[in-house]
């Protein structure tokens, strides 16, 4: 067996105990209740706002030290334990799936380039900040040098990993292969920044708009070509159940897949949620966004079944002219920098879900968790989103300031405010 897929006897015994606990939680009645709530919510018939606390940023703060050392055992332990800890300590509206997930090992290299990131550690030794040397300084010289993008899949290693996991816990829970390559793939402006850097990108929009448009088109076309290759290779998997389908949101829906997919079993873009955003263009005017950025996002969105747009960028000043025109749009991110008084009435009664991202500062920055001020922050959202289908998703919380109880407290405060204010 591949050494990376070997586990010790002690690790196997421990992982099997974790899997049994995970299995019990996954099959608890509350999980089926949450599934039903998510399906209603995404169909615009929700009973109440859904609440999600993303834990990726503060995972080290809330997780106990890992007991496993073998690479595949660490992967299994992390996936099982994080779901367990989330349920026991945070208890938001995440659903625990009754299976274990192994992901296709697929790589994509934009324009066949390798961009090396240099990370910097914070005071606790965690790598948070990063930088890089953009390979292109200006489009006049750089554009002609770009090669076609490249991609590949390691089927052998993926299937071997699935077998290894099944040998450890397969009799406790099934093991499924899923595809997560598209979760954060379609941030086109993010790709430009990695190629050029932010300052060069902004200058290029002013100095060489035609070349900038060509670059955006090439990026969009190569991204779509990558997904078409996955279609042909039967690598795409549906994301219409307990799947990451947007910036922190989940994809439970009966509107996907298409009838063609149900009949043939062949998954295409039309059967999937698209998660896309353009955070890096936040510094330009709405007119420039409409002229140089948005057309490429329309071209992408029309290929997908349902669309989640946005992350941290405010959308209130580009909603009417741009974002509201996206085909298949179902959710839009209303970030901490978005004007809720403007966007709330625009989304009220619409078929677009108000996907609110509260400020992470209450949980991740303040030395004392001021529950009163935090409650007021949530109340403001609940009032602004009156008449909307609302979900509240906490993201970008990079530390708990030494207090592991904050995420759970925050979720309970949100629920208390929902009970007090929602629908009244």
Protein backbone atom coordinates (compact mmCIF):
# COMPACT_ATOMS: atom_id res chain seq x y z
CA UNK A 1 0.00 0.00 0.00
CA UNK A 2 1.09 3.59 -0.64
CA UNK A 3 2.78 4.77 2.57
CA UNK A 4 0.55 7.88 2.56
CA UNK A 5 -2.47 5.56 2.76
CA UNK A 6 -1.19 3.42 5.62
CA UNK A 7 -2.57 3.85 9.15
CA UNK A 8 -1.50 2.27 12.41
CA UNK A 9 -3.65 -0.12 14.39
CA UNK A 10 -4.14 2.51 17.09
CA UNK A 11 -5.22 5.10 14.54
CA UNK A 12 -7.73 2.72 12.98
CA UNK A 13 -9.32 1.91 16.35
CA UNK A 14 -9.62 5.62 17.18
CA UNK A 15 -10.98 6.57 13.74
CA UNK A 16 -13.63 3.88 13.94
CA UNK A 17 -14.84 5.29 17.26
CA UNK A 18 -14.99 8.77 15.72
CA UNK A 19 -16.89 7.38 12.72
CA UNK A 20 -19.48 5.76 15.00
CA UNK A 21 -20.05 9.03 16.82
CA UNK A 22 -20.26 10.91 13.49
CA UNK A 23 -22.71 8.30 12.18
CA UNK A 24 -24.92 8.76 15.22
CA UNK A 25 -25.06 12.52 14.82
CA UNK A 26 -25.63 12.27 11.05
CA UNK A 27 -28.69 10.10 11.60
CA UNK A 28 -30.16 12.15 14.46
CA UNK A 29 -33.67 13.57 13.82
CA UNK A 30 -32.34 17.15 13.96
CA UNK A 31 -30.33 16.57 10.79
CA UNK A 32 -33.39 15.54 8.83
CA UNK A 33 -35.22 18.60 10.19
CA UNK A 34 -32.38 20.82 8.98
CA UNK A 35 -32.38 19.21 5.54
CA UNK A 36 -36.08 20.00 5.16
CA UNK A 37 -35.50 23.59 6.29
CA UNK A 38 -32.69 24.05 3.74
CA UNK A 39 -34.77 22.68 0.87
CA UNK A 40 -37.64 25.05 1.73
CA UNK A 41 -35.23 27.94 2.21
CA UNK A 42 -33.50 27.52 -1.16
CA UNK A 43 -36.92 27.18 -2.81
CA UNK A 44 -37.82 30.64 -1.39
CA UNK A 45 -40.33 29.09 1.00
CA UNK A 46 -38.22 29.20 4.15
CA UNK A 47 -39.76 29.08 7.62
CA UNK A 48 -36.98 31.19 9.16
CA UNK A 49 -33.50 32.52 8.31
CA UNK A 50 -30.82 29.83 8.14
CA UNK A 51 -27.68 30.35 10.24
CA UNK A 52 -24.18 29.14 9.33
CA UNK A 53 -20.91 29.65 11.20
CA UNK A 54 -17.96 28.87 8.92
CA UNK A 55 -15.17 27.40 11.00
CA UNK A 56 -12.29 27.22 8.54
CA UNK A 57 -10.59 30.37 9.82
CA UNK A 58 -10.69 29.48 13.50
CA UNK A 59 -10.54 25.69 13.19
CA UNK A 60 -7.24 25.55 15.09
CA UNK A 61 -8.84 27.45 17.98
CA UNK A 62 -11.75 25.07 18.41
CA UNK A 63 -10.30 21.69 17.50
CA UNK A 64 -8.50 19.53 20.05
CA UNK A 65 -4.97 18.43 19.06
CA UNK A 66 -5.12 15.75 16.38
CA UNK A 67 -4.20 12.28 17.59
CA UNK A 68 -3.30 10.83 14.19
CA UNK A 69 -0.01 11.21 12.34
CA UNK A 70 -0.46 9.19 9.15
CA UNK A 71 -1.54 11.45 6.23
CA UNK A 72 -4.74 9.58 5.36
CA UNK A 73 -5.60 9.16 9.05
CA UNK A 74 -5.19 12.91 9.61
CA UNK A 75 -7.52 13.56 6.67
CA UNK A 76 -10.16 11.21 8.07
CA UNK A 77 -9.80 12.48 11.63
CA UNK A 78 -10.07 16.13 10.59
CA UNK A 79 -13.22 15.63 8.51
CA UNK A 80 -14.99 13.54 11.14
CA UNK A 81 -13.89 15.54 14.15
CA UNK A 82 -14.74 18.96 12.72
CA UNK A 83 -18.31 17.89 12.00
CA UNK A 84 -18.62 16.51 15.53
CA UNK A 85 -17.11 19.60 17.18
CA UNK A 86 -19.28 21.90 15.07
CA UNK A 87 -22.43 20.12 16.22
CA UNK A 88 -21.41 19.93 19.87
CA UNK A 89 -19.99 23.45 20.28
CA UNK A 90 -21.56 25.65 17.59
CA UNK A 91 -24.80 23.89 16.64
CA UNK A 92 -25.65 26.09 13.67
CA UNK A 93 -27.76 24.88 10.75
CA UNK A 94 -25.05 22.77 9.10
CA UNK A 95 -26.09 19.23 8.28
CA UNK A 96 -23.81 16.26 8.97
CA UNK A 97 -23.80 13.95 5.96
CA UNK A 98 -24.22 10.20 6.60
CA UNK A 99 -21.19 9.40 4.44
CA UNK A 100 -17.49 10.20 4.24
CA UNK A 101 -16.22 12.31 1.33
CA UNK A 102 -13.09 11.78 -0.73
CA UNK A 103 -12.42 14.40 -3.39
CA UNK A 104 -11.17 13.95 -6.92
CA UNK A 105 -7.50 14.96 -7.09
CA UNK A 106 -7.68 17.42 -9.97
CA UNK A 107 -5.25 20.24 -10.74
CA UNK A 108 -5.61 23.37 -12.89
CA UNK A 109 -2.81 25.70 -13.96
CA UNK A 110 -4.00 28.99 -15.45
CA UNK A 111 -1.94 29.70 -18.58
CA UNK A 112 0.37 26.85 -17.49
CA UNK A 113 1.91 29.11 -14.84
CA UNK A 114 3.05 28.30 -11.34
CA UNK A 115 2.60 31.26 -9.01
CA UNK A 116 4.48 30.75 -5.77
CA UNK A 117 2.87 32.18 -2.65
CA UNK A 118 4.98 33.30 0.28
CA UNK A 119 3.17 33.01 3.59
CA UNK A 120 3.66 34.93 6.80
CA UNK A 121 2.81 33.60 10.25
CA UNK A 122 0.83 35.46 12.88
CA UNK A 123 1.79 35.73 16.55
CA UNK A 124 0.48 32.20 17.15
CA UNK A 125 2.48 30.72 14.30
CA UNK A 126 -0.49 30.29 11.97
CA UNK A 127 0.04 31.19 8.30
CA UNK A 128 -2.47 33.92 7.55
CA UNK A 129 -0.96 36.60 5.31
CA UNK A 130 0.68 35.87 2.00
CA UNK A 131 2.23 37.56 -1.00
CA UNK A 132 3.65 36.67 -4.40
CA UNK A 133 5.52 38.06 -7.37
CA UNK A 134 3.01 38.55 -10.21
CA UNK A 135 4.41 37.08 -13.45
CA UNK A 136 2.97 39.91 -15.61
CA UNK A 137 3.67 43.59 -15.09
CA UNK A 138 1.79 44.98 -18.10
CA UNK A 139 -0.50 43.51 -20.71
CA UNK A 140 1.24 44.97 -23.75
CA UNK A 141 4.22 42.69 -23.14
CA UNK A 142 2.63 39.95 -21.05
CA UNK A 143 -0.50 39.07 -22.99
CA UNK A 144 1.29 37.60 -26.06
CA UNK A 145 3.38 35.32 -23.81
CA UNK A 146 0.44 33.52 -22.21
CA UNK A 147 0.19 29.79 -22.90
CA UNK A 148 -2.96 27.66 -22.89
CA UNK A 149 -4.07 26.57 -19.43
CA UNK A 150 -3.40 22.99 -18.38
CA UNK A 151 -5.18 20.50 -16.13
CA UNK A 152 -5.08 16.87 -15.10
CA UNK A 153 -6.63 14.30 -12.77
CA UNK A 154 -4.98 11.61 -10.69
CA UNK A 155 -7.61 8.89 -10.88
CA UNK A 156 -5.36 6.19 -9.45
CA UNK A 157 -4.54 8.10 -6.27
CA UNK A 158 -8.14 9.24 -5.78
CA UNK A 159 -9.53 5.72 -6.10
CA UNK A 160 -6.78 4.32 -3.89
CA UNK A 161 -7.65 6.86 -1.22
CA UNK A 162 -11.31 5.86 -1.38
CA UNK A 163 -10.37 2.19 -0.95
CA UNK A 164 -8.09 3.03 1.99
CA UNK A 165 -10.85 4.96 3.76
CA UNK A 166 -13.34 2.16 3.10
CA UNK A 167 -10.97 -0.35 4.69
CA UNK A 168 -10.92 1.75 7.86
CA UNK A 169 -14.53 2.95 8.28
CA UNK A 170 -16.46 1.70 5.23
CA UNK A 171 -18.59 -0.72 7.25
CA UNK A 172 -19.70 2.19 9.47
CA UNK A 173 -20.47 4.75 6.76
CA UNK A 174 -20.30 4.72 2.96
CA UNK A 175 -17.48 6.58 1.20
CA UNK A 176 -18.29 8.82 -1.76
CA UNK A 177 -16.08 10.60 -4.27
CA UNK A 178 -17.10 14.21 -4.79
CA UNK A 179 -15.64 17.11 -6.77
CA UNK A 180 -14.74 20.36 -4.99
CA UNK A 181 -12.60 21.96 -7.72
CA UNK A 182 -15.28 24.53 -8.59
CA UNK A 183 -16.11 25.72 -5.06
CA UNK A 184 -13.99 28.91 -5.37
CA UNK A 185 -12.87 28.53 -8.97
CA UNK A 186 -14.82 31.24 -10.79
CA UNK A 187 -13.41 34.37 -9.17
CA UNK A 188 -12.17 35.76 -12.48
CA UNK A 189 -10.85 39.03 -11.09
CA UNK A 190 -8.94 37.08 -8.44
CA UNK A 191 -7.09 35.31 -11.25
CA UNK A 192 -6.17 38.68 -12.76
CA UNK A 193 -4.75 39.91 -9.46
CA UNK A 194 -2.63 36.77 -9.11
CA UNK A 195 -1.27 37.33 -12.61
CA UNK A 196 -0.68 41.08 -12.39
CA UNK A 197 -1.09 42.31 -8.84
CA UNK A 198 -3.83 44.70 -7.77
CA UNK A 199 -2.13 47.94 -8.79
CA UNK A 200 -1.20 46.69 -12.26
CA UNK A 201 -4.74 45.41 -12.76
CA UNK A 202 -6.26 48.79 -11.94
CA UNK A 203 -3.85 50.62 -14.22
CA UNK A 204 -4.53 48.13 -17.03
CA UNK A 205 -8.25 48.90 -16.90
CA UNK A 206 -7.44 52.56 -17.52
CA UNK A 207 -4.45 52.32 -19.85
CA UNK A 208 -5.21 49.23 -21.94
CA UNK A 209 -8.92 48.41 -21.63
CA UNK A 210 -8.98 46.38 -24.86
CA UNK A 211 -6.12 44.17 -23.70
CA UNK A 212 -7.71 43.86 -20.27
CA UNK A 213 -10.94 42.68 -21.89
CA UNK A 214 -8.98 40.14 -23.90
CA UNK A 215 -7.30 38.86 -20.74
CA UNK A 216 -10.64 38.49 -18.93
CA UNK A 217 -12.11 36.66 -21.94
CA UNK A 218 -9.19 34.26 -22.08
CA UNK A 219 -9.45 33.54 -18.36
CA UNK A 220 -13.20 32.95 -18.61
CA UNK A 221 -12.83 30.72 -21.69
CA UNK A 222 -10.08 28.63 -20.11
CA UNK A 223 -12.13 28.20 -16.95
CA UNK A 224 -15.10 27.00 -18.98
CA UNK A 225 -12.87 24.70 -21.04
CA UNK A 226 -11.60 23.13 -17.82
CA UNK A 227 -15.15 22.38 -16.69
CA UNK A 228 -16.11 21.02 -20.14
CA UNK A 229 -13.15 18.65 -19.88
CA UNK A 230 -14.50 17.49 -16.54
CA UNK A 231 -17.89 16.93 -18.16
CA UNK A 232 -16.29 14.75 -20.83
CA UNK A 233 -14.19 12.86 -18.29
CA UNK A 234 -17.23 12.20 -16.05
CA UNK A 235 -15.56 14.00 -13.15
CA UNK A 236 -18.31 16.45 -12.20
CA UNK A 237 -20.51 15.56 -9.26
CA UNK A 238 -23.77 17.18 -8.23
CA UNK A 239 -23.78 19.92 -5.57
CA UNK A 240 -27.54 20.08 -4.97
CA UNK A 241 -27.61 18.48 -1.52
CA UNK A 242 -25.39 19.03 1.54
CA UNK A 243 -22.77 20.65 -0.69
CA UNK A 244 -20.90 23.93 -0.53
CA UNK A 245 -22.73 25.97 -3.16
CA UNK A 246 -21.77 29.56 -2.38
CA UNK A 247 -19.78 31.70 0.00
CA UNK A 248 -20.66 29.65 3.07
CA UNK A 249 -24.05 28.52 1.81
CA UNK A 250 -25.39 25.07 0.96
CA UNK A 251 -26.99 23.69 -2.17
CA UNK A 252 -30.06 21.75 -1.05
CA UNK A 253 -32.49 22.05 -3.96
CA UNK A 254 -34.91 19.99 -6.02
CA UNK A 255 -34.50 22.35 -8.97
CA UNK A 256 -31.25 20.61 -9.87
CA UNK A 257 -30.22 18.47 -11.64
CA UNK A 258 -31.89 18.85 -15.02
CA UNK A 259 -34.19 16.24 -16.51
CA UNK A 260 -31.45 15.39 -19.00
CA UNK A 261 -29.05 14.58 -16.19
CA UNK A 262 -31.62 12.48 -14.35
CA UNK A 263 -32.20 10.47 -17.54
CA UNK A 264 -28.58 10.05 -18.62
CA UNK A 265 -26.60 10.35 -15.41
CA UNK A 266 -24.23 12.75 -17.14
CA UNK A 267 -23.51 15.83 -15.00
CA UNK A 268 -22.94 19.12 -16.82
CA UNK A 269 -22.67 22.75 -15.74
CA UNK A 270 -26.43 23.15 -16.12
CA UNK A 271 -26.87 20.69 -13.26
CA UNK A 272 -24.71 22.67 -10.82
CA UNK A 273 -24.66 25.67 -8.56
CA UNK A 274 -22.06 28.29 -9.53
CA UNK A 275 -20.20 30.20 -6.82
CA UNK A 276 -18.67 33.37 -8.26
CA UNK A 277 -17.55 36.80 -7.11
CA UNK A 278 -15.40 39.80 -8.00
CA UNK A 279 -14.07 41.07 -4.69
CA UNK A 280 -10.90 42.44 -6.29
CA UNK A 281 -12.80 44.96 -8.43
CA UNK A 282 -14.32 46.71 -5.41
CA UNK A 283 -12.11 49.77 -5.98
CA UNK A 284 -13.50 50.68 -9.39
CA UNK A 285 -16.63 52.61 -10.31
CA UNK A 286 -19.94 50.91 -11.07
CA UNK A 287 -19.64 52.05 -14.70
CA UNK A 288 -16.19 50.52 -15.07
CA UNK A 289 -17.39 47.32 -13.42
CA UNK A 290 -20.29 47.17 -15.86
CA UNK A 291 -18.05 47.76 -18.87
CA UNK A 292 -14.98 45.66 -18.08
CA UNK A 293 -15.86 43.04 -15.46
CA UNK A 294 -19.52 42.11 -15.49
CA UNK A 295 -19.88 40.90 -19.12
CA UNK A 296 -17.52 38.01 -18.40
CA UNK A 297 -19.54 36.97 -15.35
CA UNK A 298 -22.72 36.89 -17.42
CA UNK A 299 -20.97 34.63 -19.90
CA UNK A 300 -20.05 32.25 -17.09
CA UNK A 301 -23.36 32.33 -15.23
CA UNK A 302 -25.50 31.40 -18.23
CA UNK A 303 -23.89 27.97 -18.33
CA UNK A 304 -24.96 26.99 -14.79
CA UNK A 305 -28.22 25.91 -13.22
CA UNK A 306 -28.25 28.24 -10.19
CA UNK A 307 -25.90 31.05 -9.21
CA UNK A 308 -24.53 32.40 -5.94
CA UNK A 309 -22.84 35.78 -6.48
CA UNK A 310 -20.53 37.68 -4.18
CA UNK A 311 -18.40 37.41 -1.10
CA UNK A 312 -16.99 40.47 0.71
CA UNK A 313 -17.67 43.05 -2.00
CA UNK A 314 -20.68 45.38 -1.52
CA UNK A 315 -23.31 44.94 -4.22
CA UNK A 316 -25.79 47.73 -3.49
CA UNK A 317 -24.30 50.14 -6.08
CA UNK A 318 -24.06 47.54 -8.87
CA UNK A 319 -27.29 45.67 -8.18
CA UNK A 320 -29.66 47.45 -10.58
CA UNK A 321 -27.29 47.77 -13.52
CA UNK A 322 -25.46 44.47 -13.20
CA UNK A 323 -25.95 41.81 -10.56
CA UNK A 324 -29.73 41.67 -10.84
CA UNK A 325 -29.23 40.82 -14.53
CA UNK A 326 -27.22 37.65 -13.87
CA UNK A 327 -28.96 34.62 -15.35
CA UNK A 328 -30.04 31.93 -12.88
CA UNK A 329 -29.21 34.09 -9.86
CA UNK A 330 -30.59 32.63 -6.62
CA UNK A 331 -28.37 34.07 -3.86
CA UNK A 332 -26.39 37.27 -3.44
CA UNK A 333 -23.88 38.00 -0.71
CA UNK A 334 -24.76 41.02 1.43
CA UNK A 335 -21.41 41.65 3.06
CA UNK A 336 -20.46 43.75 6.06
CA UNK A 337 -19.61 46.54 3.60
CA UNK A 338 -22.97 46.46 1.84
CA UNK A 339 -25.64 49.08 2.56
CA UNK A 340 -28.48 46.98 3.93
CA UNK A 341 -31.00 49.83 3.79
CA UNK A 342 -30.51 49.93 0.00
CA UNK A 343 -30.24 46.24 -0.84
CA UNK A 344 -32.97 45.02 1.52
CA UNK A 345 -35.94 46.58 -0.30
CA UNK A 346 -34.50 45.51 -3.66
CA UNK A 347 -34.43 41.85 -2.59
CA UNK A 348 -37.76 41.88 -0.75
CA UNK A 349 -40.26 39.63 -2.51
CA UNK A 350 -37.72 38.61 -5.12
CA UNK A 351 -36.41 35.17 -6.08
CA UNK A 352 -32.92 36.08 -4.84
CA UNK A 353 -31.88 35.11 -1.31
CA UNK A 354 -30.38 37.75 0.96
CA UNK A 355 -27.16 35.99 2.03
CA UNK A 356 -25.94 38.19 4.88
CA UNK A 357 -22.32 38.17 6.09
CA UNK A 358 -22.22 39.92 9.49
CA UNK A 359 -19.04 41.68 10.54
CA UNK A 360 -16.56 39.16 11.99
CA UNK A 361 -15.12 41.80 14.33
CA UNK A 362 -17.47 41.00 17.21
CA UNK A 363 -16.12 37.45 17.42
CA UNK A 364 -12.60 37.75 16.02
CA UNK A 365 -11.30 41.14 17.16
CA UNK A 366 -12.96 42.48 20.29
CA UNK A 367 -11.29 41.31 23.49
CA UNK A 368 -14.68 41.21 25.19
CA UNK A 369 -17.66 39.75 23.33
CA UNK A 370 -20.21 42.55 23.69
CA UNK A 371 -23.42 40.60 23.34
CA UNK A 372 -25.63 43.68 23.42
CA UNK A 373 -23.85 45.41 20.54
CA UNK A 374 -23.72 42.14 18.60
CA UNK A 375 -27.46 41.61 19.12
CA UNK A 376 -28.13 45.10 17.76
CA UNK A 377 -25.98 44.29 14.70
CA UNK A 378 -28.08 41.20 13.98
CA UNK A 379 -31.33 43.05 14.69
CA UNK A 380 -30.37 45.64 12.07
CA UNK A 381 -30.05 42.89 9.48
CA UNK A 382 -33.35 41.27 10.44
CA UNK A 383 -35.12 44.61 10.04
CA UNK A 384 -33.34 45.46 6.78
CA UNK A 385 -34.19 42.06 5.29
CA UNK A 386 -37.90 42.30 6.03
CA UNK A 387 -39.80 40.57 3.23
CA UNK A 388 -36.67 38.74 2.04
CA UNK A 389 -35.58 35.14 2.16
CA UNK A 390 -32.64 35.50 4.54
CA UNK A 391 -29.62 33.45 5.53
CA UNK A 392 -26.97 34.64 7.98
CA UNK A 393 -23.48 33.28 7.32
CA UNK A 394 -20.47 34.08 9.47
CA UNK A 395 -17.21 34.03 7.52
CA UNK A 396 -13.61 35.27 7.81
CA UNK A 397 -13.36 34.72 11.55
CA UNK A 398 -9.65 34.01 11.90
CA UNK A 399 -9.36 33.81 15.68
CA UNK A 400 -11.59 33.39 18.71
CA UNK A 401 -9.42 35.63 20.90
CA UNK A 402 -8.92 32.71 23.27
CA UNK A 403 -12.66 32.08 23.78
CA UNK A 404 -13.84 28.81 22.19
CA UNK A 405 -17.42 29.49 23.28
CA UNK A 406 -17.94 32.58 21.11
CA UNK A 407 -19.22 30.86 17.92
CA UNK A 408 -21.86 28.92 19.85
CA UNK A 409 -22.90 32.01 21.80
CA UNK A 410 -23.16 34.04 18.58
CA UNK A 411 -25.37 31.42 16.92
CA UNK A 412 -27.69 31.32 19.93
CA UNK A 413 -27.94 35.13 20.00
CA UNK A 414 -28.87 35.13 16.31
CA UNK A 415 -31.56 32.53 16.93
CA UNK A 416 -32.91 34.51 19.88
CA UNK A 417 -33.11 37.63 17.73
CA UNK A 418 -34.84 35.69 14.96
CA UNK A 419 -37.43 34.42 17.45
CA UNK A 420 -37.92 37.95 18.73
CA UNK A 421 -37.99 39.95 15.49
CA UNK A 422 -38.45 37.83 12.37
CA UNK A 423 -41.79 38.06 10.68
CA UNK A 424 -43.10 40.65 13.13
